[in-house]
């Protein structure tokens, strides 16, 4: 068995076959590297677009929150106090106090839903 293996490695065909195998593995490695680089670029583009979308959604939600918090001038003083609170504390305070604009926002959302359902 050792003799057969030794003959296979020392035969005149072993050199060209080894060269062809090495070249094919090199080709496969290059193809894999290029494919991985392309996938990485695609994923980075998706991450950046999702980050931008997250920021837009955050701004929209912040604007809706500000609209729901809006009200008469005496509420403006409370808004100055609320500016230093964390978002979780602001949400707790809103849930406890039911701000002036909350009912208006809820009515507008239900009207929007009704209009959208009628369009379907």
PDB file of N, CA and C in Angstrom:
ATOM      1  N   UNK A   1       0.822  -1.177   0.000  1.00  0.00           N
ATOM      2  CA  UNK A   1       0.000   0.000   0.000  1.00  0.00           C
ATOM      3  C   UNK A   1       0.876   1.253   0.000  1.00  0.00           C
ATOM      4  N   UNK A   2       1.919   1.263   0.811  1.00  0.00           N
ATOM      5  CA  UNK A   2       2.820   2.407   0.840  1.00  0.00           C
ATOM      6  C   UNK A   2       3.492   2.582  -0.518  1.00  0.00           C
ATOM      7  N   UNK A   3       3.822   1.458  -1.149  1.00  0.00           N
ATOM      8  CA  UNK A   3       4.456   1.505  -2.462  1.00  0.00           C
ATOM      9  C   UNK A   3       3.513   2.119  -3.498  1.00  0.00           C
ATOM     10  N   UNK A   4       2.240   1.785  -3.448  1.00  0.00           N
ATOM     11  CA  UNK A   4       1.259   2.332  -4.390  1.00  0.00           C
ATOM     12  C   UNK A   4       1.130   3.832  -4.205  1.00  0.00           C
ATOM     13  N   UNK A   5       1.080   4.253  -2.969  1.00  0.00           N
ATOM     14  CA  UNK A   5       0.990   5.684  -2.669  1.00  0.00           C
ATOM     15  C   UNK A   5       2.250   6.412  -3.123  1.00  0.00           C
ATOM     16  N   UNK A   6       3.409   5.812  -2.932  1.00  0.00           N
ATOM     17  CA  UNK A   6       4.670   6.412  -3.355  1.00  0.00           C
ATOM     18  C   UNK A   6       4.737   6.512  -4.872  1.00  0.00           C
ATOM     19  N   UNK A   7       4.268   5.486  -5.577  1.00  0.00           N
ATOM     20  CA  UNK A   7       4.241   5.529  -7.048  1.00  0.00           C
ATOM     21  C   UNK A   7       3.300   6.625  -7.543  1.00  0.00           C
ATOM     22  N   UNK A   8       2.141   6.819  -6.844  1.00  0.00           N
ATOM     23  CA  UNK A   8       1.174   7.838  -7.270  1.00  0.00           C
ATOM     24  C   UNK A   8       1.773   9.241  -7.149  1.00  0.00           C
ATOM     25  N   UNK A   9       2.532   9.484  -6.082  1.00  0.00           N
ATOM     26  CA  UNK A   9       3.099  10.812  -5.889  1.00  0.00           C
ATOM     27  C   UNK A   9       4.342  11.058  -6.730  1.00  0.00           C
ATOM     28  N   UNK A  10       5.037  10.023  -7.123  1.00  0.00           N
ATOM     29  CA  UNK A  10       6.266  10.203  -7.891  1.00  0.00           C
ATOM     30  C   UNK A  10       6.066   9.957  -9.384  1.00  0.00           C
ATOM     31  N   UNK A  11       4.872   9.662  -9.811  1.00  0.00           N
ATOM     32  CA  UNK A  11       4.649   9.425 -11.241  1.00  0.00           C
ATOM     33  C   UNK A  11       4.706  10.737 -12.000  1.00  0.00           C
ATOM     34  N   UNK A  12       4.961  10.704 -13.305  1.00  0.00           N
ATOM     35  CA  UNK A  12       5.045  11.923 -14.100  1.00  0.00           C
ATOM     36  C   UNK A  12       3.705  12.650 -14.219  1.00  0.00           C
ATOM     37  N   UNK A  13       2.596  12.000 -13.956  1.00  0.00           N
ATOM     38  CA  UNK A  13       1.274  12.625 -14.059  1.00  0.00           C
ATOM     39  C   UNK A  13       0.943  13.420 -12.789  1.00  0.00           C
ATOM     40  N   UNK A  14       1.587  13.121 -11.677  1.00  0.00           N
ATOM     41  CA  UNK A  14       1.266  13.749 -10.397  1.00  0.00           C
ATOM     42  C   UNK A  14       1.509  15.253 -10.414  1.00  0.00           C
ATOM     43  N   UNK A  15       2.547  15.710 -11.074  1.00  0.00           N
ATOM     44  CA  UNK A  15       2.854  17.146 -11.116  1.00  0.00           C
ATOM     45  C   UNK A  15       1.766  17.951 -11.807  1.00  0.00           C
ATOM     46  N   UNK A  16       1.399  17.619 -13.056  1.00  0.00           N
ATOM     47  CA  UNK A  16       0.338  18.381 -13.718  1.00  0.00           C
ATOM     48  C   UNK A  16      -1.016  18.276 -13.004  1.00  0.00           C
ATOM     49  N   UNK A  17      -1.345  17.090 -12.461  1.00  0.00           N
ATOM     50  CA  UNK A  17      -2.616  16.940 -11.736  1.00  0.00           C
ATOM     51  C   UNK A  17      -2.612  17.812 -10.483  1.00  0.00           C
ATOM     52  N   UNK A  18      -1.495  17.832  -9.759  1.00  0.00           N
ATOM     53  CA  UNK A  18      -1.388  18.676  -8.575  1.00  0.00           C
ATOM     54  C   UNK A  18      -1.500  20.149  -8.917  1.00  0.00           C
ATOM     55  N   UNK A  19      -0.877  20.545 -10.047  1.00  0.00           N
ATOM     56  CA  UNK A  19      -0.959  21.939 -10.478  1.00  0.00           C
ATOM     57  C   UNK A  19      -2.392  22.319 -10.829  1.00  0.00           C
ATOM     58  N   UNK A  20      -3.090  21.427 -11.529  1.00  0.00           N
ATOM     59  CA  UNK A  20      -4.488  21.701 -11.890  1.00  0.00           C
ATOM     60  C   UNK A  20      -5.358  21.797 -10.636  1.00  0.00           C
ATOM     61  N   UNK A  21      -5.147  20.895  -9.673  1.00  0.00           N
ATOM     62  CA  UNK A  21      -5.911  20.962  -8.421  1.00  0.00           C
ATOM     63  C   UNK A  21      -5.624  22.249  -7.650  1.00  0.00           C
ATOM     64  N   UNK A  22      -4.360  22.637  -7.574  1.00  0.00           N
ATOM     65  CA  UNK A  22      -4.001  23.866  -6.857  1.00  0.00           C
ATOM     66  C   UNK A  22      -4.611  25.090  -7.536  1.00  0.00           C
ATOM     67  N   UNK A  23      -4.572  25.120  -8.870  1.00  0.00           N
ATOM     68  CA  UNK A  23      -5.151  26.250  -9.604  1.00  0.00           C
ATOM     69  C   UNK A  23      -6.668  26.304  -9.423  1.00  0.00           C
ATOM     70  N   UNK A  24      -7.326  25.145  -9.422  1.00  0.00           N
ATOM     71  CA  UNK A  24      -8.782  25.143  -9.254  1.00  0.00           C
ATOM     72  C   UNK A  24      -9.169  25.576  -7.843  1.00  0.00           C
ATOM     73  N   UNK A  25      -8.418  25.152  -6.820  1.00  0.00           N
ATOM     74  CA  UNK A  25      -8.707  25.604  -5.465  1.00  0.00           C
ATOM     75  C   UNK A  25      -8.458  27.103  -5.313  1.00  0.00           C
ATOM     76  N   UNK A  26      -7.433  27.606  -5.971  1.00  0.00           N
ATOM     77  CA  UNK A  26      -7.164  29.050  -5.947  1.00  0.00           C
ATOM     78  C   UNK A  26      -8.315  29.811  -6.594  1.00  0.00           C
ATOM     79  N   UNK A  27      -8.821  29.309  -7.720  1.00  0.00           N
ATOM     80  CA  UNK A  27      -9.948  29.922  -8.416  1.00  0.00           C
ATOM     81  C   UNK A  27     -11.180  29.926  -7.511  1.00  0.00           C
ATOM     82  N   UNK A  28     -11.459  28.801  -6.858  1.00  0.00           N
ATOM     83  CA  UNK A  28     -12.610  28.727  -5.962  1.00  0.00           C
ATOM     84  C   UNK A  28     -12.468  29.691  -4.782  1.00  0.00           C
ATOM     85  N   UNK A  29     -11.252  29.849  -4.274  1.00  0.00           N
ATOM     86  CA  UNK A  29     -11.020  30.783  -3.172  1.00  0.00           C
ATOM     87  C   UNK A  29     -11.275  32.225  -3.616  1.00  0.00           C
ATOM     88  N   UNK A  30     -10.833  32.570  -4.804  1.00  0.00           N
ATOM     89  CA  UNK A  30     -11.060  33.926  -5.319  1.00  0.00           C
ATOM     90  C   UNK A  30     -12.547  34.181  -5.517  1.00  0.00           C
ATOM     91  N   UNK A  31     -13.261  33.218  -6.082  1.00  0.00           N
ATOM     92  CA  UNK A  31     -14.700  33.372  -6.296  1.00  0.00           C
ATOM     93  C   UNK A  31     -15.426  33.537  -4.958  1.00  0.00           C
ATOM     94  N   UNK A  32     -15.037  32.756  -3.975  1.00  0.00           N
ATOM     95  CA  UNK A  32     -15.659  32.855  -2.652  1.00  0.00           C
ATOM     96  C   UNK A  32     -15.388  34.211  -2.017  1.00  0.00           C
ATOM     97  N   UNK A  33     -14.172  34.697  -2.160  1.00  0.00           N
ATOM     98  CA  UNK A  33     -13.817  36.005  -1.595  1.00  0.00           C
ATOM     99  C   UNK A  33     -14.625  37.117  -2.260  1.00  0.00           C
ATOM    100  N   UNK A  34     -14.742  37.092  -3.579  1.00  0.00           N
ATOM    101  CA  UNK A  34     -15.502  38.126  -4.283  1.00  0.00           C
ATOM    102  C   UNK A  34     -16.983  38.071  -3.915  1.00  0.00           C
ATOM    103  N   UNK A  35     -17.516  36.873  -3.783  1.00  0.00           N
ATOM    104  CA  UNK A  35     -18.921  36.724  -3.401  1.00  0.00           C
ATOM    105  C   UNK A  35     -19.154  37.257  -1.986  1.00  0.00           C
ATOM    106  N   UNK A  36     -18.243  36.959  -1.082  1.00  0.00           N
ATOM    107  CA  UNK A  36     -18.371  37.446   0.299  1.00  0.00           C
ATOM    108  C   UNK A  36     -18.266  38.973   0.349  1.00  0.00           C
ATOM    109  N   UNK A  37     -17.379  39.550  -0.451  1.00  0.00           N
ATOM    110  CA  UNK A  37     -17.243  41.010  -0.477  1.00  0.00           C
ATOM    111  C   UNK A  37     -18.519  41.658  -1.015  1.00  0.00           C
ATOM    112  N   UNK A  38     -19.114  41.058  -2.038  1.00  0.00           N
ATOM    113  CA  UNK A  38     -20.358  41.599  -2.601  1.00  0.00           C
ATOM    114  C   UNK A  38     -21.494  41.498  -1.574  1.00  0.00           C
ATOM    115  N   UNK A  39     -21.580  40.357  -0.891  1.00  0.00           N
ATOM    116  CA  UNK A  39     -22.610  40.194   0.134  1.00  0.00           C
ATOM    117  C   UNK A  39     -22.419  41.192   1.277  1.00  0.00           C
ATOM    118  N   UNK A  40     -21.160  41.427   1.656  1.00  0.00           N
ATOM    119  CA  UNK A  40     -20.873  42.385   2.724  1.00  0.00           C
ATOM    120  C   UNK A  40     -21.318  43.789   2.320  1.00  0.00           C
ATOM    121  N   UNK A  41     -21.037  44.178   1.080  1.00  0.00           N
ATOM    122  CA  UNK A  41     -21.445  45.505   0.610  1.00  0.00           C
ATOM    123  C   UNK A  41     -22.968  45.631   0.601  1.00  0.00           C
ATOM    124  N   UNK A  42     -23.657  44.567   0.163  1.00  0.00           N
ATOM    125  CA  UNK A  42     -25.125  44.592   0.161  1.00  0.00           C
ATOM    126  C   UNK A  42     -25.672  44.722   1.574  1.00  0.00           C
ATOM    127  N   UNK A  43     -25.106  43.976   2.510  1.00  0.00           N
ATOM    128  CA  UNK A  43     -25.585  44.036   3.885  1.00  0.00           C
ATOM    129  C   UNK A  43     -25.305  45.397   4.526  1.00  0.00           C
ATOM    130  N   UNK A  44     -24.150  45.991   4.212  1.00  0.00           N
ATOM    131  CA  UNK A  44     -23.866  47.332   4.739  1.00  0.00           C
ATOM    132  C   UNK A  44     -24.857  48.355   4.193  1.00  0.00           C
ATOM    133  N   UNK A  45     -25.229  48.219   2.913  1.00  0.00           N
ATOM    134  CA  UNK A  45     -26.220  49.127   2.330  1.00  0.00           C
ATOM    135  C   UNK A  45     -27.574  48.941   3.006  1.00  0.00           C
ATOM    136  N   UNK A  46     -27.956  47.707   3.272  1.00  0.00           N
ATOM    137  CA  UNK A  46     -29.217  47.454   3.964  1.00  0.00           C
ATOM    138  C   UNK A  46     -29.200  48.011   5.379  1.00  0.00           C
ATOM    139  N   UNK A  47     -28.083  47.874   6.069  1.00  0.00           N
ATOM    140  CA  UNK A  47     -27.971  48.402   7.430  1.00  0.00           C
ATOM    141  C   UNK A  47     -28.111  49.919   7.427  1.00  0.00           C
ATOM    142  N   UNK A  48     -27.458  50.576   6.471  1.00  0.00           N
ATOM    143  CA  UNK A  48     -27.548  52.036   6.436  1.00  0.00           C
ATOM    144  C   UNK A  48     -28.963  52.493   6.099  1.00  0.00           C
ATOM    145  N   UNK A  49     -29.638  51.801   5.177  1.00  0.00           N
ATOM    146  CA  UNK A  49     -31.015  52.200   4.854  1.00  0.00           C
ATOM    147  C   UNK A  49     -31.947  51.944   6.036  1.00  0.00           C
ATOM    148  N   UNK A  50     -31.743  50.848   6.755  1.00  0.00           N
ATOM    149  CA  UNK A  50     -32.570  50.585   7.932  1.00  0.00           C
ATOM    150  C   UNK A  50     -32.297  51.588   9.046  1.00  0.00           C
ATOM    151  N   UNK A  51     -31.050  52.031   9.168  1.00  0.00           N
ATOM    152  CA  UNK A  51     -30.723  53.046  10.169  1.00  0.00           C
ATOM    153  C   UNK A  51     -31.412  54.364   9.847  1.00  0.00           C
ATOM    154  N   UNK A  52     -31.389  54.742   8.578  1.00  0.00           N
ATOM    155  CA  UNK A  52     -32.062  55.984   8.162  1.00  0.00           C
ATOM    156  C   UNK A  52     -33.563  55.874   8.400  1.00  0.00           C
ATOM    157  N   UNK A  53     -34.147  54.715   8.063  1.00  0.00           N
ATOM    158  CA  UNK A  53     -35.582  54.507   8.282  1.00  0.00           C
ATOM    159  C   UNK A  53     -35.925  54.560   9.768  1.00  0.00           C
ATOM    160  N   UNK A  54     -35.043  54.001  10.604  1.00  0.00           N
ATOM    161  CA  UNK A  54     -35.262  54.039  12.057  1.00  0.00           C
ATOM    162  C   UNK A  54     -35.260  55.472  12.559  1.00  0.00           C
ATOM    163  N   UNK A  55     -34.334  56.276  12.045  1.00  0.00           N
ATOM    164  CA  UNK A  55     -34.273  57.676  12.468  1.00  0.00           C
ATOM    165  C   UNK A  55     -35.526  58.428  12.030  1.00  0.00           C
ATOM    166  N   UNK A  56     -35.991  58.166  10.797  1.00  0.00           N
ATOM    167  CA  UNK A  56     -37.213  58.829  10.326  1.00  0.00           C
ATOM    168  C   UNK A  56     -38.406  58.432  11.177  1.00  0.00           C
ATOM    169  N   UNK A  57     -38.514  57.131  11.489  1.00  0.00           N
ATOM    170  CA  UNK A  57     -39.625  56.676  12.321  1.00  0.00           C
ATOM    171  C   UNK A  57     -39.543  57.286  13.714  1.00  0.00           C
ATOM    172  N   UNK A  58     -38.332  57.420  14.236  1.00  0.00           N
ATOM    173  CA  UNK A  58     -38.163  58.046  15.539  1.00  0.00           C
ATOM    174  C   UNK A  58     -38.598  59.495  15.535  1.00  0.00           C
ATOM    175  N   UNK A  59     -38.261  60.202  14.460  1.00  0.00           N
ATOM    176  CA  UNK A  59     -38.682  61.602  14.357  1.00  0.00           C
ATOM    177  C   UNK A  59     -40.196  61.711  14.229  1.00  0.00           C
ATOM    178  N   UNK A  60     -40.785  60.796  13.444  1.00  0.00           N
ATOM    179  CA  UNK A  60     -42.240  60.830  13.284  1.00  0.00           C
ATOM    180  C   UNK A  60     -42.934  60.529  14.607  1.00  0.00           C
ATOM    181  N   UNK A  61     -42.436  59.542  15.333  1.00  0.00           N
ATOM    182  CA  UNK A  61     -43.043  59.222  16.627  1.00  0.00           C
ATOM    183  C   UNK A  61     -42.847  60.351  17.626  1.00  0.00           C
ATOM    184  N   UNK A  62     -41.689  61.009  17.573  1.00  0.00           N
ATOM    185  CA  UNK A  62     -41.450  62.135  18.465  1.00  0.00           C
ATOM    186  C   UNK A  62     -42.412  63.282  18.133  1.00  0.00           C
ATOM    187  N   UNK A  63     -42.648  63.515  16.847  1.00  0.00           N
ATOM    188  CA  UNK A  63     -43.580  64.570  16.457  1.00  0.00           C
ATOM    189  C   UNK A  63     -45.002  64.237  16.913  1.00  0.00           C
ATOM    190  N   UNK A  64     -45.386  62.958  16.782  1.00  0.00           N
ATOM    191  CA  UNK A  64     -46.721  62.566  17.241  1.00  0.00           C
ATOM    192  C   UNK A  64     -46.847  62.729  18.752  1.00  0.00           C
ATOM    193  N   UNK A  65     -45.791  62.388  19.475  1.00  0.00           N
ATOM    194  CA  UNK A  65     -45.797  62.554  20.930  1.00  0.00           C
ATOM    195  C   UNK A  65     -45.917  64.022  21.293  1.00  0.00           C
ATOM    196  N   UNK A  66     -45.184  64.864  20.579  1.00  0.00           N
ATOM    197  CA  UNK A  66     -45.253  66.303  20.852  1.00  0.00           C
ATOM    198  C   UNK A  66     -46.647  66.838  20.556  1.00  0.00           C
ATOM    199  N   UNK A  67     -47.284  66.324  19.488  1.00  0.00           N
ATOM    200  CA  UNK A  67     -48.636  66.766  19.160  1.00  0.00           C
ATOM    201  C   UNK A  67     -49.629  66.320  20.224  1.00  0.00           C
ATOM    202  N   UNK A  68     -49.434  65.121  20.756  1.00  0.00           N
ATOM    203  CA  UNK A  68     -50.338  64.636  21.804  1.00  0.00           C
ATOM    204  C   UNK A  68     -50.113  65.361  23.118  1.00  0.00           C
ATOM    205  N   UNK A  69     -48.897  65.828  23.354  1.00  0.00           N
ATOM    206  CA  UNK A  69     -48.613  66.553  24.586  1.00  0.00           C
ATOM    207  C   UNK A  69     -49.079  67.994  24.519  1.00  0.00           C
ATOM    208  N   UNK A  70     -49.321  68.491  23.308  1.00  0.00           N
ATOM    209  CA  UNK A  70     -49.680  69.898  23.129  1.00  0.00           C
ATOM    210  C   UNK A  70     -50.990  70.244  23.811  1.00  0.00           C
ATOM    211  N   UNK A  71     -51.129  71.489  24.179  1.00  0.00           N
ATOM    212  CA  UNK A  71     -52.352  71.928  24.846  1.00  0.00           C
ATOM    213  C   UNK A  71     -52.251  73.395  25.195  1.00  0.00           C
ATOM    214  N   UNK A  72     -53.030  73.843  26.176  1.00  0.00           N
ATOM    215  CA  UNK A  72     -53.004  75.255  26.558  1.00  0.00           C
ATOM    216  C   UNK A  72     -51.679  75.675  27.177  1.00  0.00           C
ATOM    217  N   UNK A  73     -51.565  76.961  27.479  1.00  0.00           N
ATOM    218  CA  UNK A  73     -50.301  77.538  27.945  1.00  0.00           C
ATOM    219  C   UNK A  73     -49.837  76.943  29.277  1.00  0.00           C
ATOM    220  N   UNK A  74     -50.769  76.528  30.151  1.00  0.00           N
ATOM    221  CA  UNK A  74     -50.326  75.965  31.427  1.00  0.00           C
ATOM    222  C   UNK A  74     -49.643  74.618  31.245  1.00  0.00           C
ATOM    223  N   UNK A  75     -49.903  73.969  30.120  1.00  0.00           N
ATOM    224  CA  UNK A  75     -49.239  72.701  29.819  1.00  0.00           C
ATOM    225  C   UNK A  75     -47.798  72.964  29.383  1.00  0.00           C
ATOM    226  N   UNK A  76     -47.536  74.166  28.843  1.00  0.00           N
ATOM    227  CA  UNK A  76     -46.181  74.501  28.392  1.00  0.00           C
ATOM    228  C   UNK A  76     -45.191  74.445  29.554  1.00  0.00           C
ATOM    229  N   UNK A  77     -45.633  74.854  30.747  1.00  0.00           N
ATOM    230  CA  UNK A  77     -44.754  74.770  31.911  1.00  0.00           C
ATOM    231  C   UNK A  77     -44.417  73.315  32.237  1.00  0.00           C
ATOM    232  N   UNK A  78     -45.396  72.435  32.104  1.00  0.00           N
ATOM    233  CA  UNK A  78     -45.148  71.014  32.363  1.00  0.00           C
ATOM    234  C   UNK A  78     -44.204  70.425  31.322  1.00  0.00           C
ATOM    235  N   UNK A  79     -44.294  70.923  30.084  1.00  0.00           N
ATOM    236  CA  UNK A  79     -43.406  70.422  29.034  1.00  0.00           C
ATOM    237  C   UNK A  79     -41.958  70.760  29.350  1.00  0.00           C
ATOM    238  N   UNK A  80     -41.722  71.936  29.967  1.00  0.00           N
ATOM    239  CA  UNK A  80     -40.354  72.294  30.339  1.00  0.00           C
ATOM    240  C   UNK A  80     -39.832  71.349  31.413  1.00  0.00           C
ATOM    241  N   UNK A  81     -40.700  70.944  32.344  1.00  0.00           N
ATOM    242  CA  UNK A  81     -40.281  69.982  33.363  1.00  0.00           C
ATOM    243  C   UNK A  81     -40.071  68.606  32.742  1.00  0.00           C
ATOM    244  N   UNK A  82     -40.903  68.255  31.779  1.00  0.00           N
ATOM    245  CA  UNK A  82     -40.814  66.938  31.148  1.00  0.00           C
ATOM    246  C   UNK A  82     -39.593  66.803  30.245  1.00  0.00           C
ATOM    247  N   UNK A  83     -39.002  67.918  29.847  1.00  0.00           N
ATOM    248  CA  UNK A  83     -37.868  67.851  28.925  1.00  0.00           C
ATOM    249  C   UNK A  83     -36.675  67.135  29.538  1.00  0.00           C
ATOM    250  N   UNK A  84     -36.541  67.193  30.848  1.00  0.00           N
ATOM    251  CA  UNK A  84     -35.408  66.557  31.511  1.00  0.00           C
ATOM    252  C   UNK A  84     -35.650  65.093  31.852  1.00  0.00           C
ATOM    253  N   UNK A  85     -36.863  64.606  31.641  1.00  0.00           N
ATOM    254  CA  UNK A  85     -37.191  63.219  31.973  1.00  0.00           C
ATOM    255  C   UNK A  85     -36.769  62.278  30.858  1.00  0.00           C
ATOM    256  N   UNK A  86     -36.575  61.026  31.215  1.00  0.00           N
ATOM    257  CA  UNK A  86     -36.270  60.018  30.200  1.00  0.00           C
ATOM    258  C   UNK A  86     -37.553  59.667  29.448  1.00  0.00           C
ATOM    259  N   UNK A  87     -37.435  59.060  28.272  1.00  0.00           N
ATOM    260  CA  UNK A  87     -38.648  58.700  27.515  1.00  0.00           C
ATOM    261  C   UNK A  87     -39.590  57.780  28.296  1.00  0.00           C
ATOM    262  N   UNK A  88     -39.037  56.862  29.083  1.00  0.00           N
ATOM    263  CA  UNK A  88     -39.894  55.961  29.865  1.00  0.00           C
ATOM    264  C   UNK A  88     -40.675  56.738  30.929  1.00  0.00           C
ATOM    265  N   UNK A  89     -40.005  57.693  31.583  1.00  0.00           N
ATOM    266  CA  UNK A  89     -40.685  58.497  32.602  1.00  0.00           C
ATOM    267  C   UNK A  89     -41.744  59.395  31.968  1.00  0.00           C
ATOM    268  N   UNK A  90     -41.452  59.923  30.779  1.00  0.00           N
ATOM    269  CA  UNK A  90     -42.444  60.753  30.085  1.00  0.00           C
ATOM    270  C   UNK A  90     -43.665  59.927  29.718  1.00  0.00           C
ATOM    271  N   UNK A  91     -43.429  58.684  29.260  1.00  0.00           N
ATOM    272  CA  UNK A  91     -44.543  57.812  28.891  1.00  0.00           C
ATOM    273  C   UNK A  91     -45.400  57.493  30.108  1.00  0.00           C
ATOM    274  N   UNK A  92     -44.754  57.235  31.252  1.00  0.00           N
ATOM    275  CA  UNK A  92     -45.513  56.961  32.482  1.00  0.00           C
ATOM    276  C   UNK A  92     -46.351  58.174  32.876  1.00  0.00           C
ATOM    277  N   UNK A  93     -45.760  59.353  32.773  1.00  0.00           N
ATOM    278  CA  UNK A  93     -46.489  60.568  33.136  1.00  0.00           C
ATOM    279  C   UNK A  93     -47.660  60.810  32.188  1.00  0.00           C
ATOM    280  N   UNK A  94     -47.443  60.564  30.885  1.00  0.00           N
ATOM    281  CA  UNK A  94     -48.533  60.724  29.915  1.00  0.00           C
ATOM    282  C   UNK A  94     -49.663  59.745  30.199  1.00  0.00           C
ATOM    283  N   UNK A  95     -49.313  58.507  30.515  1.00  0.00           N
ATOM    284  CA  UNK A  95     -50.338  57.506  30.796  1.00  0.00           C
ATOM    285  C   UNK A  95     -51.119  57.855  32.055  1.00  0.00           C
ATOM    286  N   UNK A  96     -50.449  58.463  33.014  1.00  0.00           N
ATOM    287  CA  UNK A  96     -51.112  58.808  34.275  1.00  0.00           C
ATOM    288  C   UNK A  96     -51.998  60.043  34.136  1.00  0.00           C
ATOM    289  N   UNK A  97     -51.542  61.053  33.391  1.00  0.00           N
ATOM    290  CA  UNK A  97     -52.241  62.335  33.336  1.00  0.00           C
ATOM    291  C   UNK A  97     -53.219  62.467  32.181  1.00  0.00           C
ATOM    292  N   UNK A  98     -53.142  61.618  31.189  1.00  0.00           N
ATOM    293  CA  UNK A  98     -53.939  61.748  29.969  1.00  0.00           C
ATOM    294  C   UNK A  98     -53.910  63.197  29.474  1.00  0.00           C
ATOM    295  N   UNK A  99     -52.906  63.542  28.688  1.00  0.00           N
ATOM    296  CA  UNK A  99     -52.732  64.928  28.238  1.00  0.00           C
ATOM    297  C   UNK A  99     -53.913  65.421  27.402  1.00  0.00           C
ATOM    298  N   UNK A 100     -53.978  66.724  27.238  1.00  0.00           N
ATOM    299  CA  UNK A 100     -55.099  67.378  26.577  1.00  0.00           C
ATOM    300  C   UNK A 100     -55.277  66.881  25.150  1.00  0.00           C
ATOM    301  N   UNK A 101     -54.201  66.762  24.425  1.00  0.00           N
ATOM    302  CA  UNK A 101     -54.308  66.391  23.020  1.00  0.00           C
ATOM    303  C   UNK A 101     -54.451  64.903  22.784  1.00  0.00           C
ATOM    304  N   UNK A 102     -54.458  64.111  23.838  1.00  0.00           N
ATOM    305  CA  UNK A 102     -54.477  62.653  23.670  1.00  0.00           C
ATOM    306  C   UNK A 102     -55.774  62.186  23.026  1.00  0.00           C
ATOM    307  N   UNK A 103     -56.912  62.713  23.490  1.00  0.00           N
ATOM    308  CA  UNK A 103     -58.190  62.317  22.912  1.00  0.00           C
ATOM    309  C   UNK A 103     -58.295  62.729  21.458  1.00  0.00           C
ATOM    310  N   UNK A 104     -57.782  63.910  21.152  1.00  0.00           N
ATOM    311  CA  UNK A 104     -57.811  64.383  19.763  1.00  0.00           C
ATOM    312  C   UNK A 104     -56.986  63.457  18.881  1.00  0.00           C
ATOM    313  N   UNK A 105     -55.799  63.073  19.356  1.00  0.00           N
ATOM    314  CA  UNK A 105     -54.954  62.178  18.569  1.00  0.00           C
ATOM    315  C   UNK A 105     -55.617  60.817  18.389  1.00  0.00           C
ATOM    316  N   UNK A 106     -56.243  60.317  19.434  1.00  0.00           N
ATOM    317  CA  UNK A 106     -56.905  59.015  19.341  1.00  0.00           C
ATOM    318  C   UNK A 106     -58.066  59.083  18.354  1.00  0.00           C
ATOM    319  N   UNK A 107     -58.824  60.173  18.387  1.00  0.00           N
ATOM    320  CA  UNK A 107     -59.927  60.316  17.439  1.00  0.00           C
ATOM    321  C   UNK A 107     -59.411  60.420  16.011  1.00  0.00           C
ATOM    322  N   UNK A 108     -58.327  61.163  15.821  1.00  0.00           N
ATOM    323  CA  UNK A 108     -57.764  61.300  14.477  1.00  0.00           C
ATOM    324  C   UNK A 108     -57.270  59.951  13.960  1.00  0.00           C
ATOM    325  N   UNK A 109     -56.643  59.161  14.827  1.00  0.00           N
ATOM    326  CA  UNK A 109     -56.151  57.850  14.400  1.00  0.00           C
ATOM    327  C   UNK A 109     -57.301  56.920  14.044  1.00  0.00           C
ATOM    328  N   UNK A 110     -58.372  56.947  14.824  1.00  0.00           N
ATOM    329  CA  UNK A 110     -59.501  56.069  14.504  1.00  0.00           C
ATOM    330  C   UNK A 110     -60.179  56.538  13.221  1.00  0.00           C
ATOM    331  N   UNK A 111     -60.228  57.839  12.978  1.00  0.00           N
ATOM    332  CA  UNK A 111     -60.787  58.339  11.719  1.00  0.00           C
ATOM    333  C   UNK A 111     -59.905  57.930  10.547  1.00  0.00           C
ATOM    334  N   UNK A 112     -58.592  57.999  10.728  1.00  0.00           N
ATOM    335  CA  UNK A 112     -57.677  57.557   9.673  1.00  0.00           C
ATOM    336  C   UNK A 112     -57.878  56.083   9.361  1.00  0.00           C
ATOM    337  N   UNK A 113     -58.013  55.268  10.398  1.00  0.00           N
ATOM    338  CA  UNK A 113     -58.234  53.835  10.190  1.00  0.00           C
ATOM    339  C   UNK A 113     -59.538  53.590   9.442  1.00  0.00           C
ATOM    340  N   UNK A 114     -60.595  54.344   9.800  1.00  0.00           N
ATOM    341  CA  UNK A 114     -61.878  54.167   9.121  1.00  0.00           C
ATOM    342  C   UNK A 114     -61.793  54.537   7.650  1.00  0.00           C
ATOM    343  N   UNK A 115     -61.080  55.612   7.362  1.00  0.00           N
ATOM    344  CA  UNK A 115     -60.910  56.021   5.958  1.00  0.00           C
ATOM    345  C   UNK A 115     -60.111  54.979   5.196  1.00  0.00           C
ATOM    346  N   UNK A 116     -59.039  54.477   5.768  1.00  0.00           N
ATOM    347  CA  UNK A 116     -58.223  53.458   5.110  1.00  0.00           C
ATOM    348  C   UNK A 116     -59.006  52.176   4.893  1.00  0.00           C
ATOM    349  N   UNK A 117     -59.831  51.783   5.861  1.00  0.00           N
ATOM    350  CA  UNK A 117     -60.638  50.573   5.686  1.00  0.00           C
ATOM    351  C   UNK A 117     -61.690  50.747   4.612  1.00  0.00           C
ATOM    352  N   UNK A 118     -62.216  51.964   4.490  1.00  0.00           N
ATOM    353  CA  UNK A 118     -63.226  52.189   3.444  1.00  0.00           C
ATOM    354  C   UNK A 118     -62.586  52.193   2.053  1.00  0.00           C
ATOM    355  N   UNK A 119     -61.300  52.542   1.977  1.00  0.00           N
ATOM    356  CA  UNK A 119     -60.610  52.526   0.690  1.00  0.00           C
ATOM    357  C   UNK A 119     -60.275  51.117   0.238  1.00  0.00           C
ATOM    358  N   UNK A 120     -60.161  50.198   1.175  1.00  0.00           N
ATOM    359  CA  UNK A 120     -59.851  48.801   0.808  1.00  0.00           C
ATOM    360  C   UNK A 120     -61.045  48.204   0.193  1.00  0.00           C
TER     361      UNK A 120
END
